[in-house]
């Protein structure tokens, strides 16, 4: 991918892509399963709203937007 910055620095998108590729080449399937499991447990134990509740609220807000048009 070409570097489009005038100052010769790597873009944030480019840095993220390169970092993701490096991580993927250094870790196997079990690594991603483990961090996914840990993230799910942390999400479950947090005080934030559930995915179900977030989806319902988002759907209601979107319905109001459509109705107001």
N, C-alpha and C. Protein backbone atom coordinates (compact mmCIF):
# COMPACT_ATOMS: atom_id res chain seq x y z
N UNK A 1 0.85 -1.17 0.00
CA UNK A 1 0.00 0.00 0.00
C UNK A 1 0.89 1.23 0.00
N UNK A 2 0.54 2.19 -0.79
CA UNK A 2 1.34 3.40 -0.93
C UNK A 2 1.16 4.30 0.28
N UNK A 3 2.22 5.01 0.60
CA UNK A 3 2.17 5.96 1.69
C UNK A 3 1.72 7.30 1.13
N UNK A 4 0.56 7.78 1.57
CA UNK A 4 -0.01 9.00 1.01
C UNK A 4 0.28 10.24 1.84
N UNK A 5 1.04 10.13 2.91
CA UNK A 5 1.37 11.29 3.73
C UNK A 5 2.54 12.05 3.14
N UNK A 6 2.45 13.36 3.18
CA UNK A 6 3.52 14.18 2.62
C UNK A 6 4.79 14.14 3.47
N UNK A 7 4.62 13.92 4.77
CA UNK A 7 5.79 13.95 5.65
C UNK A 7 6.50 12.61 5.74
N UNK A 8 6.08 11.63 4.95
CA UNK A 8 6.76 10.34 4.92
C UNK A 8 6.40 9.40 6.04
N UNK A 9 5.47 9.80 6.91
CA UNK A 9 5.06 8.93 8.01
C UNK A 9 3.99 7.95 7.56
N UNK A 10 3.90 6.86 8.25
CA UNK A 10 2.90 5.84 7.97
C UNK A 10 1.54 6.31 8.48
N UNK A 11 0.48 6.04 7.73
CA UNK A 11 -0.86 6.42 8.17
C UNK A 11 -1.31 5.50 9.30
N UNK A 12 -2.31 5.92 10.04
CA UNK A 12 -2.85 5.12 11.12
C UNK A 12 -3.43 3.82 10.57
N UNK A 13 -4.10 3.90 9.45
CA UNK A 13 -4.66 2.71 8.81
C UNK A 13 -3.57 1.72 8.43
N UNK A 14 -2.51 2.23 7.85
CA UNK A 14 -1.39 1.39 7.43
C UNK A 14 -0.71 0.74 8.64
N UNK A 15 -0.53 1.52 9.71
CA UNK A 15 0.09 0.98 10.92
C UNK A 15 -0.77 -0.12 11.53
N UNK A 16 -2.08 0.08 11.56
CA UNK A 16 -2.97 -0.93 12.10
C UNK A 16 -2.95 -2.21 11.29
N UNK A 17 -2.93 -2.06 9.98
CA UNK A 17 -2.88 -3.23 9.10
C UNK A 17 -1.60 -4.02 9.31
N UNK A 18 -0.47 -3.31 9.35
CA UNK A 18 0.81 -3.98 9.52
C UNK A 18 0.90 -4.66 10.89
N UNK A 19 0.38 -3.99 11.93
CA UNK A 19 0.38 -4.59 13.26
C UNK A 19 -0.50 -5.82 13.33
N UNK A 20 -1.66 -5.75 12.69
CA UNK A 20 -2.55 -6.90 12.66
C UNK A 20 -1.95 -8.08 11.93
N UNK A 21 -1.28 -7.80 10.83
CA UNK A 21 -0.63 -8.87 10.08
C UNK A 21 0.50 -9.51 10.90
N UNK A 22 1.26 -8.68 11.62
CA UNK A 22 2.35 -9.20 12.45
C UNK A 22 1.81 -10.05 13.59
N UNK A 23 0.73 -9.59 14.22
CA UNK A 23 0.13 -10.35 15.30
C UNK A 23 -0.40 -11.68 14.78
N UNK A 24 -1.06 -11.65 13.64
CA UNK A 24 -1.63 -12.88 13.06
C UNK A 24 -0.53 -13.89 12.72
N UNK A 25 0.61 -13.40 12.28
CA UNK A 25 1.68 -14.33 11.92
C UNK A 25 2.39 -14.90 13.15
N UNK A 26 2.28 -14.22 14.29
CA UNK A 26 2.96 -14.66 15.51
C UNK A 26 2.09 -15.52 16.43
N UNK A 27 0.78 -15.59 16.19
CA UNK A 27 -0.13 -16.30 17.08
C UNK A 27 -0.98 -17.29 16.31
N UNK A 28 -1.43 -18.31 17.04
CA UNK A 28 -2.25 -19.34 16.41
C UNK A 28 -3.72 -19.19 16.83
N UNK A 29 -4.53 -20.12 16.37
CA UNK A 29 -5.97 -20.10 16.61
C UNK A 29 -6.29 -20.10 18.11
N UNK A 30 -5.54 -20.85 18.89
CA UNK A 30 -5.79 -20.94 20.32
C UNK A 30 -5.61 -19.59 21.02
N UNK A 31 -4.64 -18.80 20.56
CA UNK A 31 -4.42 -17.47 21.14
C UNK A 31 -5.67 -16.62 20.98
N UNK A 32 -6.24 -16.61 19.78
CA UNK A 32 -7.43 -15.79 19.53
C UNK A 32 -8.64 -16.32 20.27
N UNK A 33 -8.74 -17.64 20.43
CA UNK A 33 -9.84 -18.21 21.22
C UNK A 33 -9.72 -17.79 22.68
N UNK A 34 -8.50 -17.80 23.19
CA UNK A 34 -8.28 -17.44 24.59
C UNK A 34 -8.59 -15.97 24.85
N UNK A 35 -8.14 -15.07 23.99
CA UNK A 35 -8.41 -13.66 24.24
C UNK A 35 -9.89 -13.35 24.02
N UNK A 36 -10.53 -14.08 23.12
CA UNK A 36 -11.97 -13.91 22.93
C UNK A 36 -12.75 -14.35 24.15
N UNK A 37 -12.32 -15.45 24.75
CA UNK A 37 -12.95 -15.95 25.97
C UNK A 37 -12.79 -14.95 27.10
N UNK A 38 -11.58 -14.42 27.26
CA UNK A 38 -11.33 -13.43 28.31
C UNK A 38 -12.16 -12.17 28.10
N UNK A 39 -12.26 -11.73 26.86
CA UNK A 39 -13.07 -10.55 26.58
C UNK A 39 -14.54 -10.78 26.86
N UNK A 40 -15.02 -11.95 26.53
CA UNK A 40 -16.42 -12.28 26.81
C UNK A 40 -16.70 -12.31 28.30
N UNK A 41 -15.78 -12.86 29.06
CA UNK A 41 -15.95 -12.90 30.51
C UNK A 41 -15.91 -11.49 31.10
N UNK A 42 -15.02 -10.66 30.63
CA UNK A 42 -14.92 -9.29 31.13
C UNK A 42 -16.19 -8.52 30.78
N UNK A 43 -16.71 -8.74 29.59
CA UNK A 43 -17.93 -8.06 29.16
C UNK A 43 -19.11 -8.50 30.01
N UNK A 44 -19.18 -9.79 30.30
CA UNK A 44 -20.26 -10.34 31.11
C UNK A 44 -20.22 -9.77 32.53
N UNK A 45 -19.03 -9.60 33.06
CA UNK A 45 -18.87 -9.14 34.44
C UNK A 45 -18.95 -7.63 34.60
N UNK A 46 -19.01 -6.90 33.50
CA UNK A 46 -19.03 -5.44 33.60
C UNK A 46 -20.44 -4.95 33.90
N UNK A 47 -20.54 -3.69 34.28
CA UNK A 47 -21.83 -3.08 34.60
C UNK A 47 -22.51 -2.48 33.38
N UNK A 48 -21.92 -2.66 32.22
CA UNK A 48 -22.48 -2.08 31.00
C UNK A 48 -23.73 -2.85 30.57
N UNK A 49 -24.49 -2.23 29.71
CA UNK A 49 -25.71 -2.88 29.24
C UNK A 49 -25.39 -4.11 28.39
N UNK A 50 -26.33 -5.03 28.34
CA UNK A 50 -26.14 -6.25 27.56
C UNK A 50 -26.25 -5.94 26.07
N UNK A 51 -25.78 -6.86 25.26
CA UNK A 51 -25.90 -6.69 23.81
C UNK A 51 -27.36 -6.63 23.42
N UNK A 52 -28.18 -7.43 24.07
CA UNK A 52 -29.61 -7.45 23.77
C UNK A 52 -30.23 -6.07 24.04
N UNK A 53 -29.88 -5.49 25.18
CA UNK A 53 -30.41 -4.18 25.53
C UNK A 53 -29.90 -3.10 24.57
N UNK A 54 -28.62 -3.19 24.22
CA UNK A 54 -28.05 -2.21 23.28
C UNK A 54 -28.74 -2.31 21.93
N UNK A 55 -28.99 -3.52 21.46
CA UNK A 55 -29.67 -3.69 20.19
C UNK A 55 -31.09 -3.15 20.22
N UNK A 56 -31.78 -3.39 21.31
CA UNK A 56 -33.15 -2.89 21.44
C UNK A 56 -33.18 -1.37 21.44
N UNK A 57 -32.29 -0.75 22.22
CA UNK A 57 -32.24 0.71 22.27
C UNK A 57 -31.88 1.30 20.91
N UNK A 58 -30.92 0.68 20.24
CA UNK A 58 -30.52 1.16 18.91
C UNK A 58 -31.66 1.04 17.92
N UNK A 59 -32.39 -0.06 17.98
CA UNK A 59 -33.53 -0.25 17.09
C UNK A 59 -34.62 0.75 17.33
N UNK A 60 -34.89 1.04 18.60
CA UNK A 60 -35.91 2.03 18.93
C UNK A 60 -35.50 3.42 18.44
N UNK A 61 -34.25 3.78 18.62
CA UNK A 61 -33.78 5.09 18.18
C UNK A 61 -33.86 5.21 16.66
N UNK A 62 -33.50 4.15 15.98
CA UNK A 62 -33.54 4.16 14.51
C UNK A 62 -34.99 4.27 14.02
N UNK A 63 -35.91 3.60 14.69
CA UNK A 63 -37.32 3.67 14.32
C UNK A 63 -37.84 5.10 14.49
N UNK A 64 -37.40 5.77 15.57
CA UNK A 64 -37.81 7.18 15.78
C UNK A 64 -37.26 8.07 14.67
N UNK A 65 -36.02 7.83 14.26
CA UNK A 65 -35.43 8.63 13.19
C UNK A 65 -36.23 8.48 11.90
N UNK A 66 -36.59 7.26 11.57
CA UNK A 66 -37.36 7.01 10.35
C UNK A 66 -38.73 7.65 10.42
N UNK A 67 -39.34 7.60 11.59
CA UNK A 67 -40.68 8.15 11.78
C UNK A 67 -40.66 9.68 11.64
N UNK A 68 -39.59 10.32 12.12
CA UNK A 68 -39.48 11.78 12.11
C UNK A 68 -39.19 12.37 10.72
N UNK A 69 -38.79 11.54 9.78
CA UNK A 69 -38.43 12.04 8.45
C UNK A 69 -39.63 12.39 7.64
